[in-house]
PDB file of N, CA and C in Angstrom:
ATOM      1  N   MET A   1       0.844  -1.177   0.000  1.00  0.00           N
ATOM      2  CA  MET A   1       0.000   0.000   0.000  1.00  0.00           C
ATOM      3  C   MET A   1       0.890   1.242   0.000  1.00  0.00           C
ATOM      4  N   ALA A   2       0.521   2.215  -0.779  1.00  0.00           N
ATOM      5  CA  ALA A   2       1.311   3.441  -0.906  1.00  0.00           C
ATOM      6  C   ALA A   2       1.233   4.253   0.376  1.00  0.00           C
ATOM      7  N   ARG A   3       2.274   5.024   0.606  1.00  0.00           N
ATOM      8  CA  ARG A   3       2.310   5.852   1.799  1.00  0.00           C
ATOM      9  C   ARG A   3       1.251   6.940   1.721  1.00  0.00           C
ATOM     10  N   GLY A   4       0.412   7.078   2.739  1.00  0.00           N
ATOM     11  CA  GLY A   4      -0.615   8.105   2.772  1.00  0.00           C
ATOM     12  C   GLY A   4      -1.734   7.844   1.800  1.00  0.00           C
ATOM     13  N   ALA A   5      -1.959   6.584   1.440  1.00  0.00           N
ATOM     14  CA  ALA A   5      -2.978   6.282   0.439  1.00  0.00           C
ATOM     15  C   ALA A   5      -4.376   6.586   0.944  1.00  0.00           C
ATOM     16  N   GLY A   6      -4.572   6.591   2.263  1.00  0.00           N
ATOM     17  CA  GLY A   6      -5.903   6.833   2.803  1.00  0.00           C
ATOM     18  C   GLY A   6      -6.279   8.306   2.898  1.00  0.00           C
ATOM     19  N   LEU A   7      -5.325   9.205   2.720  1.00  0.00           N
ATOM     20  CA  LEU A   7      -5.591  10.639   2.853  1.00  0.00           C
ATOM     21  C   LEU A   7      -5.637  11.294   1.485  1.00  0.00           C
ATOM     22  N   PRO A   8      -6.571  12.208   1.292  1.00  0.00           N
ATOM     23  CA  PRO A   8      -6.565  12.962   0.035  1.00  0.00           C
ATOM     24  C   PRO A   8      -5.337  13.880  -0.033  1.00  0.00           C
ATOM     25  N   GLN A   9      -4.965  14.255  -1.246  1.00  0.00           N
ATOM     26  CA  GLN A   9      -3.759  15.067  -1.460  1.00  0.00           C
ATOM     27  C   GLN A   9      -3.849  16.415  -0.757  1.00  0.00           C
ATOM     28  N   SER A  10      -5.010  17.050  -0.767  1.00  0.00           N
ATOM     29  CA  SER A  10      -5.137  18.368  -0.138  1.00  0.00           C
ATOM     30  C   SER A  10      -4.954  18.265   1.376  1.00  0.00           C
ATOM     31  N   ARG A  11      -5.385  17.172   1.965  1.00  0.00           N
ATOM     32  CA  ARG A  11      -5.215  17.013   3.408  1.00  0.00           C
ATOM     33  C   ARG A  11      -3.747  16.778   3.740  1.00  0.00           C
ATOM     34  N   GLN A  12      -3.052  16.028   2.887  1.00  0.00           N
ATOM     35  CA  GLN A  12      -1.618  15.823   3.098  1.00  0.00           C
ATOM     36  C   GLN A  12      -0.872  17.147   3.000  1.00  0.00           C
ATOM     37  N   ASP A  13      -1.246  17.966   2.031  1.00  0.00           N
ATOM     38  CA  ASP A  13      -0.610  19.280   1.889  1.00  0.00           C
ATOM     39  C   ASP A  13      -0.856  20.139   3.126  1.00  0.00           C
ATOM     40  N   GLY A  14      -2.058  20.062   3.682  1.00  0.00           N
ATOM     41  CA  GLY A  14      -2.372  20.835   4.878  1.00  0.00           C
ATOM     42  C   GLY A  14      -1.541  20.399   6.068  1.00  0.00           C
ATOM     43  N   ILE A  15      -1.329  19.085   6.198  1.00  0.00           N
ATOM     44  CA  ILE A  15      -0.511  18.577   7.299  1.00  0.00           C
ATOM     45  C   ILE A  15       0.935  19.033   7.146  1.00  0.00           C
ATOM     46  N   VAL A  16       1.450  18.978   5.923  1.00  0.00           N
ATOM     47  CA  VAL A  16       2.830  19.407   5.665  1.00  0.00           C
ATOM     48  C   VAL A  16       2.973  20.902   5.932  1.00  0.00           C
ATOM     49  N   ARG A  17       2.009  21.682   5.502  1.00  0.00           N
ATOM     50  CA  ARG A  17       2.074  23.137   5.739  1.00  0.00           C
ATOM     51  C   ARG A  17       2.076  23.459   7.221  1.00  0.00           C
ATOM     52  N   ARG A  18       1.217  22.778   7.982  1.00  0.00           N
ATOM     53  CA  ARG A  18       1.173  23.027   9.429  1.00  0.00           C
ATOM     54  C   ARG A  18       2.490  22.631  10.090  1.00  0.00           C
ATOM     55  N   ALA A  19       3.074  21.532   9.638  1.00  0.00           N
ATOM     56  CA  ALA A  19       4.346  21.091  10.211  1.00  0.00           C
ATOM     57  C   ALA A  19       5.460  22.090   9.890  1.00  0.00           C
ATOM     58  N   LEU A  20       5.511  22.555   8.641  1.00  0.00           N
ATOM     59  CA  LEU A  20       6.533  23.542   8.270  1.00  0.00           C
ATOM     60  C   LEU A  20       6.333  24.859   9.009  1.00  0.00           C
ATOM     61  N   ARG A  21       5.086  25.259   9.177  1.00  0.00           N
ATOM     62  CA  ARG A  21       4.788  26.488   9.908  1.00  0.00           C
ATOM     63  C   ARG A  21       5.241  26.367  11.357  1.00  0.00           C
ATOM     64  N   ALA A  22       5.002  25.206  11.965  1.00  0.00           N
ATOM     65  CA  ALA A  22       5.436  24.986  13.346  1.00  0.00           C
ATOM     66  C   ALA A  22       6.959  25.033  13.456  1.00  0.00           C
ATOM     67  N   VAL A  23       7.656  24.481  12.476  1.00  0.00           N
ATOM     68  CA  VAL A  23       9.124  24.513  12.483  1.00  0.00           C
ATOM     69  C   VAL A  23       9.622  25.944  12.346  1.00  0.00           C
ATOM     70  N   VAL A  24       9.034  26.705  11.428  1.00  0.00           N
ATOM     71  CA  VAL A  24       9.452  28.103  11.231  1.00  0.00           C
ATOM     72  C   VAL A  24       9.182  28.922  12.488  1.00  0.00           C
ATOM     73  N   LEU A  25       8.009  28.747  13.094  1.00  0.00           N
ATOM     74  CA  LEU A  25       7.705  29.476  14.328  1.00  0.00           C
ATOM     75  C   LEU A  25       8.664  29.088  15.449  1.00  0.00           C
ATOM     76  N   GLY A  26       8.991  27.811  15.549  1.00  0.00           N
ATOM     77  CA  GLY A  26       9.912  27.364  16.590  1.00  0.00           C
ATOM     78  C   GLY A  26      11.304  27.937  16.425  1.00  0.00           C
ATOM     79  N   VAL A  27      11.808  27.926  15.205  1.00  0.00           N
ATOM     80  CA  VAL A  27      13.160  28.452  14.954  1.00  0.00           C
ATOM     81  C   VAL A  27      13.203  29.956  15.188  1.00  0.00           C
ATOM     82  N   THR A  28      12.218  30.679  14.699  1.00  0.00           N
ATOM     83  CA  THR A  28      12.220  32.128  14.917  1.00  0.00           C
ATOM     84  C   THR A  28      12.042  32.457  16.394  1.00  0.00           C
ATOM     85  N   PHE A  29      11.258  31.645  17.106  1.00  0.00           N
ATOM     86  CA  PHE A  29      11.090  31.866  18.542  1.00  0.00           C
ATOM     87  C   PHE A  29      12.417  31.694  19.276  1.00  0.00           C
ATOM     88  N   LEU A  30      13.208  30.702  18.888  1.00  0.00           N
ATOM     89  CA  LEU A  30      14.512  30.514  19.513  1.00  0.00           C
ATOM     90  C   LEU A  30      15.431  31.716  19.276  1.00  0.00           C
ATOM     91  N   PHE A  31      15.407  32.274  18.059  1.00  0.00           N
ATOM     92  CA  PHE A  31      16.206  33.461  17.772  1.00  0.00           C
ATOM     93  C   PHE A  31      15.729  34.660  18.585  1.00  0.00           C
ATOM     94  N   VAL A  32      14.430  34.816  18.720  1.00  0.00           N
ATOM     95  CA  VAL A  32      13.886  35.946  19.481  1.00  0.00           C
ATOM     96  C   VAL A  32      14.258  35.827  20.956  1.00  0.00           C
ATOM     97  N   VAL A  33      14.117  34.647  21.514  1.00  0.00           N
ATOM     98  CA  VAL A  33      14.447  34.446  22.928  1.00  0.00           C
ATOM     99  C   VAL A  33      15.945  34.641  23.164  1.00  0.00           C
ATOM    100  N   SER A  34      16.768  34.158  22.244  1.00  0.00           N
ATOM    101  CA  SER A  34      18.214  34.343  22.424  1.00  0.00           C
ATOM    102  C   SER A  34      18.595  35.818  22.308  1.00  0.00           C
ATOM    103  N   ALA A  35      17.955  36.559  21.418  1.00  0.00           N
ATOM    104  CA  ALA A  35      18.243  37.999  21.311  1.00  0.00           C
ATOM    105  C   ALA A  35      17.832  38.726  22.587  1.00  0.00           C
ATOM    106  N   LEU A  36      16.692  38.353  23.156  1.00  0.00           N
ATOM    107  CA  LEU A  36      16.264  38.974  24.412  1.00  0.00           C
ATOM    108  C   LEU A  36      17.228  38.647  25.542  1.00  0.00           C
ATOM    109  N   ALA A  37      17.656  37.407  25.616  1.00  0.00           N
ATOM    110  CA  ALA A  37      18.573  37.012  26.684  1.00  0.00           C
ATOM    111  C   ALA A  37      19.913  37.726  26.569  1.00  0.00           C
ATOM    112  N   VAL A  38      20.436  37.802  25.363  1.00  0.00           N
ATOM    113  CA  VAL A  38      21.725  38.476  25.161  1.00  0.00           C
ATOM    114  C   VAL A  38      21.602  39.964  25.452  1.00  0.00           C
ATOM    115  N   SER A  39      20.516  40.582  25.007  1.00  0.00           N
ATOM    116  CA  SER A  39      20.376  42.021  25.235  1.00  0.00           C
ATOM    117  C   SER A  39      20.209  42.337  26.717  1.00  0.00           C
ATOM    118  N   CYS A  40      19.445  41.520  27.429  1.00  0.00           N
ATOM    119  CA  CYS A  40      19.297  41.744  28.875  1.00  0.00           C
ATOM    120  C   CYS A  40      20.627  41.540  29.594  1.00  0.00           C
ATOM    121  N   ALA A  41      21.360  40.512  29.210  1.00  0.00           N
ATOM    122  CA  ALA A  41      22.666  40.270  29.826  1.00  0.00           C
ATOM    123  C   ALA A  41      23.631  41.413  29.534  1.00  0.00           C
ATOM    124  N   LEU A  42      23.558  41.956  28.340  1.00  0.00           N
ATOM    125  CA  LEU A  42      24.437  43.068  27.974  1.00  0.00           C
ATOM    126  C   LEU A  42      24.105  44.325  28.772  1.00  0.00           C
ATOM    127  N   VAL A  43      22.831  44.582  28.990  1.00  0.00           N
ATOM    128  CA  VAL A  43      22.437  45.735  29.808  1.00  0.00           C
ATOM    129  C   VAL A  43      22.935  45.560  31.236  1.00  0.00           C
ATOM    130  N   VAL A  44      22.732  44.373  31.800  1.00  0.00           N
ATOM    131  CA  VAL A  44      23.181  44.122  33.172  1.00  0.00           C
ATOM    132  C   VAL A  44      24.700  44.221  33.268  1.00  0.00           C
ATOM    133  N   TYR A  45      25.389  43.674  32.295  1.00  0.00           N
ATOM    134  CA  TYR A  45      26.862  43.706  32.316  1.00  0.00           C
ATOM    135  C   TYR A  45      27.394  45.133  32.246  1.00  0.00           C
ATOM    136  N   THR A  46      26.847  45.931  31.343  1.00  0.00           N
ATOM    137  CA  THR A  46      27.341  47.306  31.227  1.00  0.00           C
ATOM    138  C   THR A  46      26.978  48.130  32.459  1.00  0.00           C
ATOM    139  N   ALA A  47      25.833  47.845  33.069  1.00  0.00           N
ATOM    140  CA  ALA A  47      25.471  48.552  34.303  1.00  0.00           C
ATOM    141  C   ALA A  47      26.385  48.126  35.448  1.00  0.00           C
ATOM    142  N   TRP A  48      26.688  46.846  35.519  1.00  0.00           N
ATOM    143  CA  TRP A  48      27.551  46.337  36.584  1.00  0.00           C
ATOM    144  C   TRP A  48      28.959  46.935  36.486  1.00  0.00           C
ATOM    145  N   ARG A  49      29.439  47.069  35.265  1.00  0.00           N
ATOM    146  CA  ARG A  49      30.784  47.605  35.047  1.00  0.00           C
ATOM    147  C   ARG A  49      30.801  49.131  34.998  1.00  0.00           C
ATOM    148  N   HIS A  50      29.643  49.763  35.071  1.00  0.00           N
ATOM    149  CA  HIS A  50      29.518  51.222  34.949  1.00  0.00           C
ATOM    150  C   HIS A  50      30.163  51.712  33.657  1.00  0.00           C
ATOM    151  N   ASP A  51      29.926  50.951  32.600  1.00  0.00           N
ATOM    152  CA  ASP A  51      30.488  51.267  31.284  1.00  0.00           C
ATOM    153  C   ASP A  51      29.436  52.043  30.486  1.00  0.00           C
ATOM    154  N   PHE A  52      29.380  53.344  30.739  1.00  0.00           N
ATOM    155  CA  PHE A  52      28.331  54.154  30.133  1.00  0.00           C
ATOM    156  C   PHE A  52      28.531  54.382  28.639  1.00  0.00           C
ATOM    157  N   SER A  53      29.755  54.273  28.171  1.00  0.00           N
ATOM    158  CA  SER A  53      29.976  54.472  26.742  1.00  0.00           C
ATOM    159  C   SER A  53      29.334  53.359  25.920  1.00  0.00           C
ATOM    160  N   HIS A  54      29.318  52.149  26.448  1.00  0.00           N
ATOM    161  CA  HIS A  54      28.676  51.036  25.751  1.00  0.00           C
ATOM    162  C   HIS A  54      27.250  50.800  26.251  1.00  0.00           C
ATOM    163  N   GLY A  55      26.868  51.468  27.297  1.00  0.00           N
ATOM    164  CA  GLY A  55      25.543  51.290  27.877  1.00  0.00           C
ATOM    165  C   GLY A  55      24.430  51.743  26.953  1.00  0.00           C
ATOM    166  N   LEU A  56      24.669  52.813  26.190  1.00  0.00           N
ATOM    167  CA  LEU A  56      23.638  53.283  25.266  1.00  0.00           C
ATOM    168  C   LEU A  56      23.380  52.244  24.171  1.00  0.00           C
ATOM    169  N   PHE A  57      24.454  51.620  23.683  1.00  0.00           N
ATOM    170  CA  PHE A  57      24.283  50.551  22.702  1.00  0.00           C
ATOM    171  C   PHE A  57      23.502  49.389  23.314  1.00  0.00           C
ATOM    172  N   ALA A  58      23.817  49.035  24.547  1.00  0.00           N
ATOM    173  CA  ALA A  58      23.128  47.929  25.210  1.00  0.00           C
ATOM    174  C   ALA A  58      21.644  48.229  25.372  1.00  0.00           C
ATOM    175  N   LEU A  59      21.319  49.461  25.755  1.00  0.00           N
ATOM    176  CA  LEU A  59      19.914  49.832  25.906  1.00  0.00           C
ATOM    177  C   LEU A  59      19.184  49.835  24.571  1.00  0.00           C
ATOM    178  N   LEU A  60      19.829  50.333  23.540  1.00  0.00           N
ATOM    179  CA  LEU A  60      19.227  50.331  22.214  1.00  0.00           C
ATOM    180  C   LEU A  60      18.988  48.897  21.732  1.00  0.00           C
ATOM    181  N   PHE A  61      19.962  48.037  21.951  1.00  0.00           N
ATOM    182  CA  PHE A  61      19.832  46.634  21.572  1.00  0.00           C
ATOM    183  C   PHE A  61      18.697  45.958  22.336  1.00  0.00           C
ATOM    184  N   ALA A  62      18.546  46.288  23.623  1.00  0.00           N
ATOM    185  CA  ALA A  62      17.473  45.709  24.432  1.00  0.00           C
ATOM    186  C   ALA A  62      16.107  46.188  23.956  1.00  0.00           C
ATOM    187  N   VAL A  63      15.989  47.460  23.629  1.00  0.00           N
ATOM    188  CA  VAL A  63      14.711  47.995  23.147  1.00  0.00           C
ATOM    189  C   VAL A  63      14.339  47.364  21.809  1.00  0.00           C
ATOM    190  N   LEU A  64      15.303  47.260  20.911  1.00  0.00           N
ATOM    191  CA  LEU A  64      15.017  46.647  19.611  1.00  0.00           C
ATOM    192  C   LEU A  64      14.677  45.162  19.749  1.00  0.00           C
ATOM    193  N   SER A  65      15.336  44.473  20.658  1.00  0.00           N
ATOM    194  CA  SER A  65      15.020  43.062  20.886  1.00  0.00           C
ATOM    195  C   SER A  65      13.618  42.894  21.445  1.00  0.00           C
ATOM    196  N   ALA A  66      13.224  43.763  22.346  1.00  0.00           N
ATOM    197  CA  ALA A  66      11.869  43.697  22.898  1.00  0.00           C
ATOM    198  C   ALA A  66      10.835  43.991  21.814  1.00  0.00           C
ATOM    199  N   GLN A  67      11.124  44.943  20.956  1.00  0.00           N
ATOM    200  CA  GLN A  67      10.211  45.252  19.860  1.00  0.00           C
ATOM    201  C   GLN A  67      10.090  44.068  18.905  1.00  0.00           C
ATOM    202  N   ILE A  68      11.189  43.402  18.623  1.00  0.00           N
ATOM    203  CA  ILE A  68      11.155  42.222  17.759  1.00  0.00           C
ATOM    204  C   ILE A  68      10.324  41.121  18.410  1.00  0.00           C
ATOM    205  N   ALA A  69      10.464  40.941  19.720  1.00  0.00           N
ATOM    206  CA  ALA A  69       9.688  39.913  20.415  1.00  0.00           C
ATOM    207  C   ALA A  69       8.195  40.212  20.338  1.00  0.00           C
ATOM    208  N   LEU A  70       7.826  41.462  20.542  1.00  0.00           N
ATOM    209  CA  LEU A  70       6.406  41.829  20.444  1.00  0.00           C
ATOM    210  C   LEU A  70       5.888  41.632  19.028  1.00  0.00           C
ATOM    211  N   ASN A  71       6.688  41.995  18.042  1.00  0.00           N
ATOM    212  CA  ASN A  71       6.275  41.787  16.651  1.00  0.00           C
ATOM    213  C   ASN A  71       6.153  40.305  16.320  1.00  0.00           C
ATOM    214  N   TRP A  72       6.986  39.461  16.938  1.00  0.00           N
ATOM    215  CA  TRP A  72       6.891  38.025  16.699  1.00  0.00           C
ATOM    216  C   TRP A  72       5.545  37.498  17.193  1.00  0.00           C
ATOM    217  N   PHE A  73       5.127  37.952  18.381  1.00  0.00           N
ATOM    218  CA  PHE A  73       3.840  37.501  18.905  1.00  0.00           C
ATOM    219  C   PHE A  73       2.688  37.998  18.042  1.00  0.00           C
ATOM    220  N   LEU A  74       2.790  39.225  17.538  1.00  0.00           N
ATOM    221  CA  LEU A  74       1.751  39.727  16.638  1.00  0.00           C
ATOM    222  C   LEU A  74       1.724  38.943  15.338  1.00  0.00           C
ATOM    223  N   TRP A  75       2.895  38.583  14.814  1.00  0.00           N
ATOM    224  CA  TRP A  75       2.980  37.812  13.575  1.00  0.00           C
ATOM    225  C   TRP A  75       2.404  36.418  13.781  1.00  0.00           C
ATOM    226  N   LYS A  76       2.710  35.813  14.935  1.00  0.00           N
ATOM    227  CA  LYS A  76       2.210  34.469  15.244  1.00  0.00           C
ATOM    228  C   LYS A  76       0.686  34.486  15.323  1.00  0.00           C
ATOM    229  N   ASP A  77       0.131  35.477  15.991  1.00  0.00           N
ATOM    230  CA  ASP A  77      -1.322  35.574  16.108  1.00  0.00           C
ATOM    231  C   ASP A  77      -1.980  35.893  14.770  1.00  0.00           C
ATOM    232  N   ASP A  78      -1.308  36.679  13.940  1.00  0.00           N
ATOM    233  CA  ASP A  78      -1.856  37.042  12.644  1.00  0.00           C
ATOM    234  C   ASP A  78      -1.943  35.828  11.725  1.00  0.00           C
ATOM    235  N   GLU A  79      -0.983  34.913  11.829  1.00  0.00           N
ATOM    236  CA  GLU A  79      -0.959  33.725  10.981  1.00  0.00           C
ATOM    237  C   GLU A  79      -2.068  32.752  11.360  1.00  0.00           C
ATOM    238  N   GLU A  80      -2.473  32.731  12.616  1.00  0.00           N
ATOM    239  CA  GLU A  80      -3.518  31.798  13.061  1.00  0.00           C
ATOM    240  C   GLU A  80      -4.858  32.343  12.681  1.00  0.00           C
TER     241      GLU A  80
END
Protein backbone atom coordinates (compact mmCIF):
# COMPACT_ATOMS: atom_id res chain seq x y z
CA MET A 1 0.00 0.00 0.00
CA ALA A 2 1.31 3.44 -0.91
CA ARG A 3 2.31 5.85 1.80
CA GLY A 4 -0.61 8.11 2.77
CA ALA A 5 -2.98 6.28 0.44
CA GLY A 6 -5.90 6.83 2.80
CA LEU A 7 -5.59 10.64 2.85
CA PRO A 8 -6.57 12.96 0.04
CA GLN A 9 -3.76 15.07 -1.46
CA SER A 10 -5.14 18.37 -0.14
CA ARG A 11 -5.22 17.01 3.41
CA GLN A 12 -1.62 15.82 3.10
CA ASP A 13 -0.61 19.28 1.89
CA GLY A 14 -2.37 20.83 4.88
CA ILE A 15 -0.51 18.58 7.30
CA VAL A 16 2.83 19.41 5.67
CA ARG A 17 2.07 23.14 5.74
CA ARG A 18 1.17 23.03 9.43
CA ALA A 19 4.35 21.09 10.21
CA LEU A 20 6.53 23.54 8.27
CA ARG A 21 4.79 26.49 9.91
CA ALA A 22 5.44 24.99 13.35
CA VAL A 23 9.12 24.51 12.48
CA VAL A 24 9.45 28.10 11.23
CA LEU A 25 7.71 29.48 14.33
CA GLY A 26 9.91 27.36 16.59
CA VAL A 27 13.16 28.45 14.95
CA THR A 28 12.22 32.13 14.92
CA PHE A 29 11.09 31.87 18.54
CA LEU A 30 14.51 30.51 19.51
CA PHE A 31 16.21 33.46 17.77
CA VAL A 32 13.89 35.95 19.48
CA VAL A 33 14.45 34.45 22.93
CA SER A 34 18.21 34.34 22.42
CA ALA A 35 18.24 38.00 21.31
CA LEU A 36 16.26 38.97 24.41
CA ALA A 37 18.57 37.01 26.68
CA VAL A 38 21.73 38.48 25.16
CA SER A 39 20.38 42.02 25.24
CA CYS A 40 19.30 41.74 28.87
CA ALA A 41 22.67 40.27 29.83
CA LEU A 42 24.44 43.07 27.97
CA VAL A 43 22.44 45.74 29.81
CA VAL A 44 23.18 44.12 33.17
CA TYR A 45 26.86 43.71 32.32
CA THR A 46 27.34 47.31 31.23
CA ALA A 47 25.47 48.55 34.30
CA TRP A 48 27.55 46.34 36.58
CA ARG A 49 30.78 47.60 35.05
CA HIS A 50 29.52 51.22 34.95
CA ASP A 51 30.49 51.27 31.28
CA PHE A 52 28.33 54.15 30.13
CA SER A 53 29.98 54.47 26.74
CA HIS A 54 28.68 51.04 25.75
CA GLY A 55 25.54 51.29 27.88
CA LEU A 56 23.64 53.28 25.27
CA PHE A 57 24.28 50.55 22.70
CA ALA A 58 23.13 47.93 25.21
CA LEU A 59 19.91 49.83 25.91
CA LEU A 60 19.23 50.33 22.21
CA PHE A 61 19.83 46.63 21.57
CA ALA A 62 17.47 45.71 24.43
CA VAL A 63 14.71 47.99 23.15
CA LEU A 64 15.02 46.65 19.61
CA SER A 65 15.02 43.06 20.89
CA ALA A 66 11.87 43.70 22.90
CA GLN A 67 10.21 45.25 19.86
CA ILE A 68 11.15 42.22 17.76
CA ALA A 69 9.69 39.91 20.42
CA LEU A 70 6.41 41.83 20.44
CA ASN A 71 6.27 41.79 16.65
CA TRP A 72 6.89 38.02 16.70
CA PHE A 73 3.84 37.50 18.91
CA LEU A 74 1.75 39.73 16.64
CA TRP A 75 2.98 37.81 13.58
CA LYS A 76 2.21 34.47 15.24
CA ASP A 77 -1.32 35.57 16.11
CA ASP A 78 -1.86 37.04 12.64
CA GLU A 79 -0.96 33.72 10.98
CA GLU A 80 -3.52 31.80 13.06
